[in-house]
Amino acid sequence: SGVAGLSGMDAANRAPDLLGNEDLLMARPLLTVSR
């Protein structure tokens, strides 16, 4: 992958194609916490 793929997951993003909802924000508040 290029730069976009190596960016990994963002802390928050909208993904209308994936979620079918343009107004929905998907957030990952545990992204800095280890398993």
Full PDB file with SEQRES, HELIX, SHEET, SSBOND, CRYST1, ORIGX, SCALE, CONECT and MASTER records, all heavy atoms in Angstrom:
SEQRES   1 A   35  SER GLY VAL ALA GLY LEU SER GLY MET ASP ALA ALA ASN          
SEQRES   2 A   35  ARG ALA PRO ASP LEU LEU GLY ASN GLU ASP LEU LEU MET          
SEQRES   3 A   35  ALA ARG PRO LEU LEU THR VAL SER ARG                          
HELIX    1 AA1 VAL A    3  LEU A    6  1                                   4    
HELIX    2 AA2 PRO A   16  LEU A   19  1                                   4    
CRYST1    1.000    1.000    1.000  90.00  90.00  90.00 P 1           1          
ORIGX1      1.000000  0.000000  0.000000        0.00000                         
ORIGX2      0.000000  1.000000  0.000000        0.00000                         
ORIGX3      0.000000  0.000000  1.000000        0.00000                         
SCALE1      1.000000  0.000000  0.000000        0.00000                         
SCALE2      0.000000  1.000000  0.000000        0.00000                         
SCALE3      0.000000  0.000000  1.000000        0.00000                         
ATOM      1  N   SER A   1       0.824  -1.210   0.000  1.00  0.00           N  
ATOM      2  CA  SER A   1       0.000   0.000   0.000  1.00  0.00           C  
ATOM      3  C   SER A   1       0.859   1.262   0.000  1.00  0.00           C  
ATOM      4  O   SER A   1       2.032   1.245   0.394  1.00  0.00           O  
ATOM      5  CB  SER A   1      -0.915   0.013   1.231  1.00  0.00           C  
ATOM      6  OG  SER A   1      -1.785  -1.093   1.224  1.00  0.00           O  
ATOM      7  N   GLY A   2       0.238   2.360  -0.410  1.00  0.00           N  
ATOM      8  CA  GLY A   2       0.907   3.650  -0.404  1.00  0.00           C  
ATOM      9  C   GLY A   2       0.724   4.371   0.919  1.00  0.00           C  
ATOM     10  O   GLY A   2       0.372   3.761   1.941  1.00  0.00           O  
ATOM     11  N   VAL A   3       0.916   5.673   0.876  1.00  0.00           N  
ATOM     12  CA  VAL A   3       0.856   6.483   2.093  1.00  0.00           C  
ATOM     13  C   VAL A   3      -0.507   6.386   2.767  1.00  0.00           C  
ATOM     14  O   VAL A   3      -0.597   6.273   3.993  1.00  0.00           O  
ATOM     15  CB  VAL A   3       1.183   7.957   1.776  1.00  0.00           C  
ATOM     16  CG1 VAL A   3       1.017   8.835   3.018  1.00  0.00           C  
ATOM     17  CG2 VAL A   3       2.604   8.075   1.247  1.00  0.00           C  
ATOM     18  N   ALA A   4      -1.572   6.388   1.981  1.00  0.00           N  
ATOM     19  CA  ALA A   4      -2.917   6.324   2.560  1.00  0.00           C  
ATOM     20  C   ALA A   4      -3.112   5.038   3.355  1.00  0.00           C  
ATOM     21  O   ALA A   4      -3.650   5.051   4.471  1.00  0.00           O  
ATOM     22  CB  ALA A   4      -3.970   6.427   1.459  1.00  0.00           C  
ATOM     23  N   GLY A   5      -2.663   3.906   2.800  1.00  0.00           N  
ATOM     24  CA  GLY A   5      -2.806   2.638   3.508  1.00  0.00           C  
ATOM     25  C   GLY A   5      -1.951   2.575   4.750  1.00  0.00           C  
ATOM     26  O   GLY A   5      -2.375   2.065   5.797  1.00  0.00           O  
ATOM     27  N   LEU A   6      -0.727   3.118   4.678  1.00  0.00           N  
ATOM     28  CA  LEU A   6       0.181   3.081   5.818  1.00  0.00           C  
ATOM     29  C   LEU A   6      -0.212   4.078   6.897  1.00  0.00           C  
ATOM     30  O   LEU A   6       0.399   4.093   7.960  1.00  0.00           O  
ATOM     31  CB  LEU A   6       1.615   3.349   5.345  1.00  0.00           C  
ATOM     32  CG  LEU A   6       2.184   2.304   4.369  1.00  0.00           C  
ATOM     33  CD1 LEU A   6       3.583   2.687   3.935  1.00  0.00           C  
ATOM     34  CD2 LEU A   6       2.171   0.922   4.986  1.00  0.00           C  
ATOM     35  N   SER A   7      -1.215   4.896   6.621  1.00  0.00           N  
ATOM     36  CA  SER A   7      -1.721   5.821   7.637  1.00  0.00           C  
ATOM     37  C   SER A   7      -2.485   5.084   8.726  1.00  0.00           C  
ATOM     38  O   SER A   7      -2.758   5.646   9.788  1.00  0.00           O  
ATOM     39  CB  SER A   7      -2.640   6.873   6.998  1.00  0.00           C  
ATOM     40  OG  SER A   7      -1.928   7.658   6.065  1.00  0.00           O  
ATOM     41  N   GLY A   8      -2.859   3.847   8.440  1.00  0.00           N  
ATOM     42  CA  GLY A   8      -3.602   3.078   9.428  1.00  0.00           C  
ATOM     43  C   GLY A   8      -4.995   3.642   9.649  1.00  0.00           C  
ATOM     44  O   GLY A   8      -5.586   4.282   8.776  1.00  0.00           O  
ATOM     45  N   MET A   9      -5.507   3.417  10.838  1.00  0.00           N  
ATOM     46  CA  MET A   9      -6.845   3.891  11.196  1.00  0.00           C  
ATOM     47  C   MET A   9      -6.766   5.262  11.851  1.00  0.00           C  
ATOM     48  O   MET A   9      -5.911   5.504  12.690  1.00  0.00           O  
ATOM     49  CB  MET A   9      -7.521   2.892  12.141  1.00  0.00           C  
ATOM     50  CG  MET A   9      -7.798   1.545  11.527  1.00  0.00           C  
ATOM     51  SD  MET A   9      -8.537   0.369  12.708  1.00  0.00           S  
ATOM     52  CE  MET A   9      -7.099  -0.089  13.679  1.00  0.00           C  
ATOM     53  N   ASP A  10      -7.667   6.125  11.483  1.00  0.00           N  
ATOM     54  CA  ASP A  10      -7.759   7.447  12.097  1.00  0.00           C  
ATOM     55  C   ASP A  10      -8.564   7.337  13.387  1.00  0.00           C  
ATOM     56  O   ASP A  10      -9.348   6.411  13.569  1.00  0.00           O  
ATOM     57  CB  ASP A  10      -8.441   8.420  11.130  1.00  0.00           C  
ATOM     58  CG  ASP A  10      -8.207   9.870  11.520  1.00  0.00           C  
ATOM     59  OD1 ASP A  10      -7.582  10.112  12.563  1.00  0.00           O  
ATOM     60  OD2 ASP A  10      -8.683  10.752  10.791  1.00  0.00           O  
ATOM     61  N   ALA A  11      -8.364   8.307  14.291  1.00  0.00           N  
ATOM     62  CA  ALA A  11      -9.121   8.299  15.547  1.00  0.00           C  
ATOM     63  C   ALA A  11     -10.608   8.454  15.287  1.00  0.00           C  
ATOM     64  O   ALA A  11     -11.436   7.961  16.067  1.00  0.00           O  
ATOM     65  CB  ALA A  11      -8.621   9.412  16.465  1.00  0.00           C  
ATOM     66  N   ALA A  12     -10.962   9.114  14.182  1.00  0.00           N  
ATOM     67  CA  ALA A  12     -12.372   9.298  13.833  1.00  0.00           C  
ATOM     68  C   ALA A  12     -12.481   9.586  12.351  1.00  0.00           C  
ATOM     69  O   ALA A  12     -11.635  10.276  11.777  1.00  0.00           O  
ATOM     70  CB  ALA A  12     -12.988  10.437  14.638  1.00  0.00           C  
ATOM     71  N   ASN A  13     -13.496   9.055  11.726  1.00  0.00           N  
ATOM     72  CA  ASN A  13     -13.725   9.328  10.307  1.00  0.00           C  
ATOM     73  C   ASN A  13     -15.160   8.988   9.934  1.00  0.00           C  
ATOM     74  O   ASN A  13     -15.846   8.261  10.669  1.00  0.00           O  
ATOM     75  CB  ASN A  13     -12.762   8.520   9.437  1.00  0.00           C  
ATOM     76  CG  ASN A  13     -13.032   7.025   9.492  1.00  0.00           C  
ATOM     77  OD1 ASN A  13     -12.720   6.377  10.487  1.00  0.00           O  
ATOM     78  ND2 ASN A  13     -13.612   6.480   8.431  1.00  0.00           N  
ATOM     79  N   ARG A  14     -15.583   9.528   8.825  1.00  0.00           N  
ATOM     80  CA  ARG A  14     -16.893   9.186   8.267  1.00  0.00           C  
ATOM     81  C   ARG A  14     -16.658   8.228   7.110  1.00  0.00           C  
ATOM     82  O   ARG A  14     -15.724   8.404   6.332  1.00  0.00           O  
ATOM     83  CB  ARG A  14     -17.634  10.431   7.790  1.00  0.00           C  
ATOM     84  CG  ARG A  14     -17.899  11.428   8.907  1.00  0.00           C  
ATOM     85  CD  ARG A  14     -18.801  12.567   8.455  1.00  0.00           C  
ATOM     86  NE  ARG A  14     -18.824  13.641   9.435  1.00  0.00           N  
ATOM     87  CZ  ARG A  14     -19.572  13.638  10.526  1.00  0.00           C  
ATOM     88  NH1 ARG A  14     -20.368  12.615  10.772  1.00  0.00           N  
ATOM     89  NH2 ARG A  14     -19.538  14.651  11.379  1.00  0.00           N  
ATOM     90  N   ALA A  15     -17.496   7.225   7.006  1.00  0.00           N  
ATOM     91  CA  ALA A  15     -17.365   6.229   5.943  1.00  0.00           C  
ATOM     92  C   ALA A  15     -18.746   5.895   5.396  1.00  0.00           C  
ATOM     93  O   ALA A  15     -19.285   4.815   5.642  1.00  0.00           O  
ATOM     94  CB  ALA A  15     -16.676   4.979   6.478  1.00  0.00           C  
ATOM     95  N   PRO A  16     -19.365   6.834   4.663  1.00  0.00           N  
ATOM     96  CA  PRO A  16     -20.738   6.622   4.178  1.00  0.00           C  
ATOM     97  C   PRO A  16     -20.887   5.401   3.280  1.00  0.00           C  
ATOM     98  O   PRO A  16     -21.930   4.731   3.300  1.00  0.00           O  
ATOM     99  CB  PRO A  16     -21.053   7.921   3.425  1.00  0.00           C  
ATOM    100  CG  PRO A  16     -19.725   8.542   3.139  1.00  0.00           C  
ATOM    101  CD  PRO A  16     -18.838   8.149   4.267  1.00  0.00           C  
ATOM    102  N   ASP A  17     -19.863   5.075   2.487  1.00  0.00           N  
ATOM    103  CA  ASP A  17     -19.951   3.899   1.614  1.00  0.00           C  
ATOM    104  C   ASP A  17     -19.985   2.614   2.438  1.00  0.00           C  
ATOM    105  O   ASP A  17     -20.635   1.636   2.058  1.00  0.00           O  
ATOM    106  CB  ASP A  17     -18.763   3.861   0.653  1.00  0.00           C  
ATOM    107  CG  ASP A  17     -18.808   4.998  -0.358  1.00  0.00           C  
ATOM    108  OD1 ASP A  17     -19.910   5.505  -0.605  1.00  0.00           O  
ATOM    109  OD2 ASP A  17     -17.749   5.374  -0.883  1.00  0.00           O  
ATOM    110  N   LEU A  18     -19.281   2.623   3.559  1.00  0.00           N  
ATOM    111  CA  LEU A  18     -19.211   1.439   4.414  1.00  0.00           C  
ATOM    112  C   LEU A  18     -20.407   1.340   5.345  1.00  0.00           C  
ATOM    113  O   LEU A  18     -20.989   0.271   5.537  1.00  0.00           O  
ATOM    114  CB  LEU A  18     -17.922   1.489   5.233  1.00  0.00           C  
ATOM    115  CG  LEU A  18     -17.526   0.239   6.024  1.00  0.00           C  
ATOM    116  CD1 LEU A  18     -17.247  -0.929   5.089  1.00  0.00           C  
ATOM    117  CD2 LEU A  18     -16.295   0.542   6.884  1.00  0.00           C  
ATOM    118  N   LEU A  19     -20.799   2.489   5.915  1.00  0.00           N  
ATOM    119  CA  LEU A  19     -21.860   2.512   6.921  1.00  0.00           C  
ATOM    120  C   LEU A  19     -23.230   2.858   6.348  1.00  0.00           C  
ATOM    121  O   LEU A  19     -24.244   2.697   7.030  1.00  0.00           O  
ATOM    122  CB  LEU A  19     -21.505   3.517   8.023  1.00  0.00           C  
ATOM    123  CG  LEU A  19     -20.245   3.177   8.842  1.00  0.00           C  
ATOM    124  CD1 LEU A  19     -19.767   4.410   9.603  1.00  0.00           C  
ATOM    125  CD2 LEU A  19     -20.517   2.040   9.801  1.00  0.00           C  
ATOM    126  N   GLY A  20     -23.253   3.379   5.110  1.00  0.00           N  
ATOM    127  CA  GLY A  20     -24.528   3.755   4.507  1.00  0.00           C  
ATOM    128  C   GLY A  20     -25.177   4.942   5.177  1.00  0.00           C  
ATOM    129  O   GLY A  20     -26.397   5.087   5.159  1.00  0.00           O  
ATOM    130  N   ASN A  21     -24.365   5.806   5.784  1.00  0.00           N  
ATOM    131  CA  ASN A  21     -24.898   6.923   6.564  1.00  0.00           C  
ATOM    132  C   ASN A  21     -23.899   8.068   6.509  1.00  0.00           C  
ATOM    133  O   ASN A  21     -22.812   7.991   7.094  1.00  0.00           O  
ATOM    134  CB  ASN A  21     -25.131   6.465   8.010  1.00  0.00           C  
ATOM    135  CG  ASN A  21     -25.855   7.500   8.851  1.00  0.00           C  
ATOM    136  OD1 ASN A  21     -25.861   8.692   8.535  1.00  0.00           O  
ATOM    137  ND2 ASN A  21     -26.454   7.062   9.937  1.00  0.00           N  
ATOM    138  N   GLU A  22     -24.252   9.141   5.822  1.00  0.00           N  
ATOM    139  CA  GLU A  22     -23.336  10.265   5.646  1.00  0.00           C  
ATOM    140  C   GLU A  22     -23.123  11.073   6.924  1.00  0.00           C  
ATOM    141  O   GLU A  22     -22.104  11.746   7.091  1.00  0.00           O  
ATOM    142  CB  GLU A  22     -23.847  11.196   4.544  1.00  0.00           C  
ATOM    143  CG  GLU A  22     -23.841  10.572   3.154  1.00  0.00           C  
ATOM    144  CD  GLU A  22     -24.264  11.550   2.079  1.00  0.00           C  
ATOM    145  OE1 GLU A  22     -24.664  12.682   2.441  1.00  0.00           O  
ATOM    146  OE2 GLU A  22     -24.200  11.190   0.893  1.00  0.00           O  
ATOM    147  N   ASP A  23     -24.087  11.030   7.840  1.00  0.00           N  
ATOM    148  CA  ASP A  23     -24.000  11.847   9.050  1.00  0.00           C  
ATOM    149  C   ASP A  23     -23.323  11.130  10.208  1.00  0.00           C  
ATOM    150  O   ASP A  23     -23.092  11.720  11.265  1.00  0.00           O  
ATOM    151  CB  ASP A  23     -25.408  12.278   9.495  1.00  0.00           C  
ATOM    152  CG  ASP A  23     -26.096  13.134   8.448  1.00  0.00           C  
ATOM    153  OD1 ASP A  23     -25.406  13.939   7.812  1.00  0.00           O  
ATOM    154  OD2 ASP A  23     -27.323  12.988   8.256  1.00  0.00           O  
ATOM    155  N   LEU A  24     -22.998   9.862  10.040  1.00  0.00           N  
ATOM    156  CA  LEU A  24     -22.461   9.061  11.134  1.00  0.00           C  
ATOM    157  C   LEU A  24     -20.950   9.176  11.213  1.00  0.00           C  
ATOM    158  O   LEU A  24     -20.243   8.987  10.232  1.00  0.00           O  
ATOM    159  CB  LEU A  24     -22.866   7.595  10.946  1.00  0.00           C  
ATOM    160  CG  LEU A  24     -22.387   6.599  12.007  1.00  0.00           C  
ATOM    161  CD1 LEU A  24     -22.914   6.988  13.387  1.00  0.00           C  
ATOM    162  CD2 LEU A  24     -22.829   5.192  11.638  1.00  0.00           C  
ATOM    163  N   LEU A  25     -20.451   9.474  12.424  1.00  0.00           N  
ATOM    164  CA  LEU A  25     -19.019   9.524  12.685  1.00  0.00           C  
ATOM    165  C   LEU A  25     -18.613   8.253  13.421  1.00  0.00           C  
ATOM    166  O   LEU A  25     -19.211   7.900  14.441  1.00  0.00           O  
ATOM    167  CB  LEU A  25     -18.664  10.744  13.535  1.00  0.00           C  
ATOM    168  CG  LEU A  25     -17.163  10.894  13.866  1.00  0.00           C  
ATOM    169  CD1 LEU A  25     -16.422  11.404  12.638  1.00  0.00           C  
ATOM    170  CD2 LEU A  25     -16.951  11.850  15.031  1.00  0.00           C  
ATOM    171  N   MET A  26     -17.606   7.566  12.904  1.00  0.00           N  
ATOM    172  CA  MET A  26     -17.088   6.371  13.562  1.00  0.00           C  
ATOM    173  C   MET A  26     -15.804   6.749  14.284  1.00  0.00           C  
ATOM    174  O   MET A  26     -14.855   7.259  13.675  1.00  0.00           O  
ATOM    175  CB  MET A  26     -16.834   5.268  12.531  1.00  0.00           C  
ATOM    176  CG  MET A  26     -16.360   3.969  13.130  1.00  0.00           C  
ATOM    177  SD  MET A  26     -16.544   2.563  11.982  1.00  0.00           S  
ATOM    178  CE  MET A  26     -15.674   3.169  10.530  1.00  0.00           C  
ATOM    179  N   ALA A  27     -15.751   6.506  15.602  1.00  0.00           N  
ATOM    180  CA  ALA A  27     -14.615   6.942  16.418  1.00  0.00           C  
ATOM    181  C   ALA A  27     -13.973   5.755  17.123  1.00  0.00           C  
ATOM    182  O   ALA A  27     -14.643   4.773  17.465  1.00  0.00           O  
ATOM    183  CB  ALA A  27     -15.070   7.985  17.429  1.00  0.00           C  
ATOM    184  N   ARG A  28     -12.666   5.875  17.367  1.00  0.00           N  
ATOM    185  CA  ARG A  28     -11.873   4.810  17.997  1.00  0.00           C  
ATOM    186  C   ARG A  28     -11.112   5.389  19.185  1.00  0.00           C  
ATOM    187  O   ARG A  28      -9.903   5.645  19.083  1.00  0.00           O  
ATOM    188  CB  ARG A  28     -10.923   4.209  16.962  1.00  0.00           C  
ATOM    189  CG  ARG A  28     -11.631   3.741  15.693  1.00  0.00           C  
ATOM    190  CD  ARG A  28     -10.654   3.364  14.594  1.00  0.00           C  
ATOM    191  NE  ARG A  28     -11.349   3.010  13.358  1.00  0.00           N  
ATOM    192  CZ  ARG A  28     -11.739   3.881  12.442  1.00  0.00           C  
ATOM    193  NH1 ARG A  28     -11.480   5.184  12.612  1.00  0.00           N  
ATOM    194  NH2 ARG A  28     -12.375   3.492  11.365  1.00  0.00           N  
ATOM    195  N   PRO A  29     -11.759   5.579  20.326  1.00  0.00           N  
ATOM    196  CA  PRO A  29     -11.114   6.240  21.472  1.00  0.00           C  
ATOM    197  C   PRO A  29     -10.062   5.389  22.181  1.00  0.00           C  
ATOM    198  O   PRO A  29      -9.350   5.903  23.053  1.00  0.00           O  
ATOM    199  CB  PRO A  29     -12.298   6.526  22.407  1.00  0.00           C  
ATOM    200  CG  PRO A  29     -13.330   5.517  22.047  1.00  0.00           C  
ATOM    201  CD  PRO A  29     -13.179   5.296  20.577  1.00  0.00           C  
ATOM    202  N   LEU A  30      -9.918   4.107  21.835  1.00  0.00           N  
ATOM    203  CA  LEU A  30      -8.923   3.243  22.485  1.00  0.00           C  
ATOM    204  C   LEU A  30      -7.711   2.988  21.599  1.00  0.00           C  
ATOM    205  O   LEU A  30      -6.926   2.078  21.857  1.00  0.00           O  
ATOM    206  CB  LEU A  30      -9.566   1.899  22.868  1.00  0.00           C  
ATOM    207  CG  LEU A  30     -10.748   1.951  23.830  1.00  0.00           C  
ATOM    208  CD1 LEU A  30     -11.278   0.548  24.098  1.00  0.00           C  
ATOM    209  CD2 LEU A  30     -10.353   2.631  25.135  1.00  0.00           C  
ATOM    210  N   LEU A  31      -7.533   3.798  20.576  1.00  0.00           N  
ATOM    211  CA  LEU A  31      -6.499   3.531  19.584  1.00  0.00           C  
ATOM    212  C   LEU A  31      -5.084   3.620  20.160  1.00  0.00           C  
ATOM    213  O   LEU A  31      -4.146   3.074  19.585  1.00  0.00           O  
ATOM    214  CB  LEU A  31      -6.655   4.502  18.407  1.00  0.00           C  
ATOM    215  CG  LEU A  31      -6.239   4.008  17.019  1.00  0.00           C  
ATOM    216  CD1 LEU A  31      -6.842   2.656  16.695  1.00  0.00           C  
ATOM    217  CD2 LEU A  31      -6.608   5.033  15.965  1.00  0.00           C  
ATOM    218  N   THR A  32      -4.904   4.305  21.295  1.00  0.00           N  
ATOM    219  CA  THR A  32      -3.572   4.421  21.913  1.00  0.00           C  
ATOM    220  C   THR A  32      -3.389   3.437  23.071  1.00  0.00           C  
ATOM    221  O   THR A  32      -2.359   3.465  23.747  1.00  0.00           O  
ATOM    222  CB  THR A  32      -3.341   5.850  22.429  1.00  0.00           C  
ATOM    223  OG1 THR A  32      -4.330   6.158  23.422  1.00  0.00           O  
ATOM    224  CG2 THR A  32      -3.432   6.861  21.295  1.00  0.00           C  
ATOM    225  N   VAL A  33      -4.373   2.569  23.284  1.00  0.00           N  
ATOM    226  CA  VAL A  33      -4.325   1.618  24.396  1.00  0.00           C  
ATOM    227  C   VAL A  33      -3.968   0.234  23.860  1.00  0.00           C  
ATOM    228  O   VAL A  33      -4.532  -0.214  22.858  1.00  0.00           O  
ATOM    229  CB  VAL A  33      -5.687   1.558  25.124  1.00  0.00           C  
ATOM    230  CG1 VAL A  33      -5.632   0.568  26.287  1.00  0.00           C  
ATOM    231  CG2 VAL A  33      -6.092   2.940  25.615  1.00  0.00           C  
ATOM    232  N   SER A  34      -3.031  -0.457  24.527  1.00  0.00           N  
ATOM    233  CA  SER A  34      -2.618  -1.785  24.074  1.00  0.00           C  
ATOM    234  C   SER A  34      -3.602  -2.859  24.536  1.00  0.00           C  
ATOM    235  O   SER A  34      -4.365  -2.654  25.492  1.00  0.00           O  
ATOM    236  CB  SER A  34      -1.221  -2.122  24.604  1.00  0.00           C  
ATOM    237  OG  SER A  34      -1.272  -2.324  26.010  1.00  0.00           O  
ATOM    238  N   ARG A  35      -3.549  -3.999  23.866  1.00  0.00           N  
ATOM    239  CA  ARG A  35      -4.426  -5.102  24.260  1.00  0.00           C  
ATOM    240  C   ARG A  35      -4.086  -5.586  25.668  1.00  0.00           C  
ATOM    241  O   ARG A  35      -4.979  -5.947  26.448  1.00  0.00           O  
ATOM    242  CB  ARG A  35      -4.306  -6.251  23.261  1.00  0.00           C  
ATOM    243  CG  ARG A  35      -5.198  -7.442  23.623  1.00  0.00           C  
ATOM    244  CD  ARG A  35      -5.158  -8.550  22.593  1.00  0.00           C  
ATOM    245  NE  ARG A  35      -5.961  -9.697  23.017  1.00  0.00           N  
ATOM    246  CZ  ARG A  35      -7.275  -9.792  22.873  1.00  0.00           C  
ATOM    247  NH1 ARG A  35      -7.940  -8.806  22.292  1.00  0.00           N  
ATOM    248  NH2 ARG A  35      -7.928 -10.864  23.293  1.00  0.00           N  
TER     249      ARG A  35                                                      
MASTER        0    0    0    2    0    0    0    6  248    1    0    3          
END                                                                             
